[in-house]
Protein backbone atom coordinates (compact mmCIF):
# COMPACT_ATOMS: atom_id res chain seq x y z
CA GLN A 1 0.00 0.00 0.00
CA VAL A 2 1.44 3.32 -1.09
CA ARG A 3 1.39 6.07 1.52
CA LEU A 4 2.58 9.66 1.27
CA VAL A 5 2.64 11.75 4.44
CA GLU A 6 3.32 15.47 4.31
CA SER A 7 4.39 17.56 7.28
CA GLY A 8 5.90 20.93 8.09
CA GLY A 9 3.09 23.29 7.24
CA GLY A 10 1.97 26.10 9.50
CA LEU A 11 1.48 29.81 9.94
CA VAL A 12 4.37 32.07 9.00
CA GLN A 13 4.78 35.80 8.46
CA PRO A 14 5.60 37.20 5.03
CA GLY A 15 9.31 36.86 4.38
CA GLY A 16 9.55 33.81 6.59
CA SER A 17 10.55 30.23 5.82
CA LEU A 18 9.14 26.76 6.16
CA ARG A 19 10.39 23.32 5.19
CA LEU A 20 7.87 20.75 4.07
CA SER A 21 8.57 17.03 4.14
CA CYS A 22 6.92 14.14 2.34
CA ALA A 23 7.66 10.65 3.59
CA ALA A 24 6.82 7.83 1.19
CA SER A 25 6.27 4.14 1.80
CA GLY A 26 5.09 1.18 -0.25
CA ILE A 27 6.68 2.39 -3.48
CA ALA A 28 10.09 2.21 -5.15
CA PHE A 29 10.85 5.78 -4.13
CA ARG A 30 14.33 6.14 -5.61
CA PHE A 31 13.11 5.31 -9.13
CA ASN A 32 10.28 7.85 -9.21
CA ALA A 33 9.97 11.55 -9.78
CA VAL A 34 8.29 13.35 -6.90
CA ALA A 35 6.26 16.52 -7.19
CA TRP A 36 4.85 19.17 -4.90
CA TYR A 37 1.52 20.70 -5.83
CA ARG A 38 -0.50 23.34 -4.06
CA GLN A 39 -4.10 24.42 -4.04
CA ALA A 40 -5.13 27.82 -2.80
CA PRO A 41 -8.72 28.56 -1.73
CA GLY A 42 -10.95 28.88 -4.77
CA LYS A 43 -8.19 27.96 -7.19
CA GLU A 44 -7.14 24.88 -9.10
CA ARG A 45 -4.31 22.68 -7.92
CA GLU A 46 -1.02 23.72 -9.51
CA LEU A 47 2.38 22.12 -9.86
CA VAL A 48 4.96 23.90 -7.73
CA SER A 49 8.09 21.82 -8.18
CA ILE A 50 9.25 18.41 -9.31
CA ILE A 51 12.43 16.45 -8.77
CA SER A 52 13.42 13.54 -10.98
CA SER A 53 14.93 10.27 -9.86
CA GLY A 54 18.21 11.78 -11.00
CA HIS A 55 17.75 14.81 -8.72
CA ILE A 56 16.92 17.20 -11.57
CA ALA A 57 14.62 19.91 -10.20
CA GLU A 58 12.12 22.16 -11.93
CA TYR A 59 9.99 24.96 -10.53
CA VAL A 60 6.99 27.03 -11.48
CA ALA A 61 8.09 30.58 -12.29
CA SER A 62 6.40 32.11 -9.25
CA VAL A 63 8.63 30.21 -6.79
CA LYS A 64 11.95 30.11 -8.65
CA GLY A 65 14.75 31.46 -6.50
CA ARG A 66 12.67 31.11 -3.32
CA PHE A 67 11.84 27.40 -3.09
CA THR A 68 14.23 24.45 -3.23
CA ILE A 69 13.18 20.85 -3.69
CA SER A 70 15.44 18.01 -2.59
CA ARG A 71 15.23 14.32 -1.88
CA ASP A 72 16.83 11.80 0.44
CA ASN A 73 16.43 8.36 -1.08
CA ALA A 74 17.81 6.69 2.04
CA LYS A 75 14.87 8.12 3.98
CA ASN A 76 12.28 7.89 1.18
CA THR A 77 11.62 11.56 1.78
CA VAL A 78 11.36 14.65 -0.36
CA TYR A 79 11.63 18.18 1.01
CA LEU A 80 10.48 21.59 -0.09
CA GLN A 81 12.43 24.44 1.47
CA MET A 82 10.36 27.60 1.12
CA ASN A 83 12.02 30.96 1.75
CA SER A 84 10.84 34.55 1.35
CA LEU A 85 7.26 33.39 1.65
CA LYS A 86 4.49 35.61 0.34
CA PRO A 87 0.77 35.72 1.17
CA GLU A 88 0.07 34.31 -2.30
CA ASP A 89 1.95 31.15 -1.29
CA THR A 90 -0.89 30.34 1.10
CA ALA A 91 -2.31 26.97 0.08
CA VAL A 92 -2.57 23.31 0.93
CA TYR A 93 0.60 21.65 -0.34
CA TYR A 94 0.42 18.09 -1.64
CA CYS A 95 3.07 15.51 -2.41
CA ASN A 96 2.61 13.39 -5.53
CA ILE A 97 4.25 10.26 -6.92
CA GLN A 98 2.71 8.70 -10.02
CA ASN A 99 -1.03 8.84 -9.30
CA TYR A 100 -0.62 8.78 -5.52
CA TRP A 101 -1.26 11.78 -3.32
CA GLY A 102 -0.71 12.69 0.29
CA GLN A 103 -3.33 14.28 2.50
CA GLY A 104 -1.77 17.71 2.22
CA THR A 105 -0.30 20.19 4.66
CA LEU A 106 -1.59 23.73 5.07
CA VAL A 107 0.75 26.68 4.66
CA THR A 108 -0.59 30.07 5.69
CA VAL A 109 1.46 33.20 5.07
CA SER A 110 -0.01 36.11 6.96
CA GLU A 111 0.73 38.89 9.41
């Protein structure tokens, strides 16, 4: 049974930082690309970042230079380091591998 568990969300002030984690089990983690998506209230889910099995990372334009995705295959975990957070980054962030999704973790950027 594949399971993805996100953690690390919370409330942060604009300009602050958070690090999200996604722990995977039940899947050959090291051979799969892993993606972070987010869904803001009233908006569609969007791809934020993706990291290949070969550690090649890509980002949506709105987070380039602020977010960094990384993976630790020994721990079956992918991370999303988010710096210089803005109110428009407020969303539920989801981890995705193939057609599997985590439950999401809420990030709120507000004064």
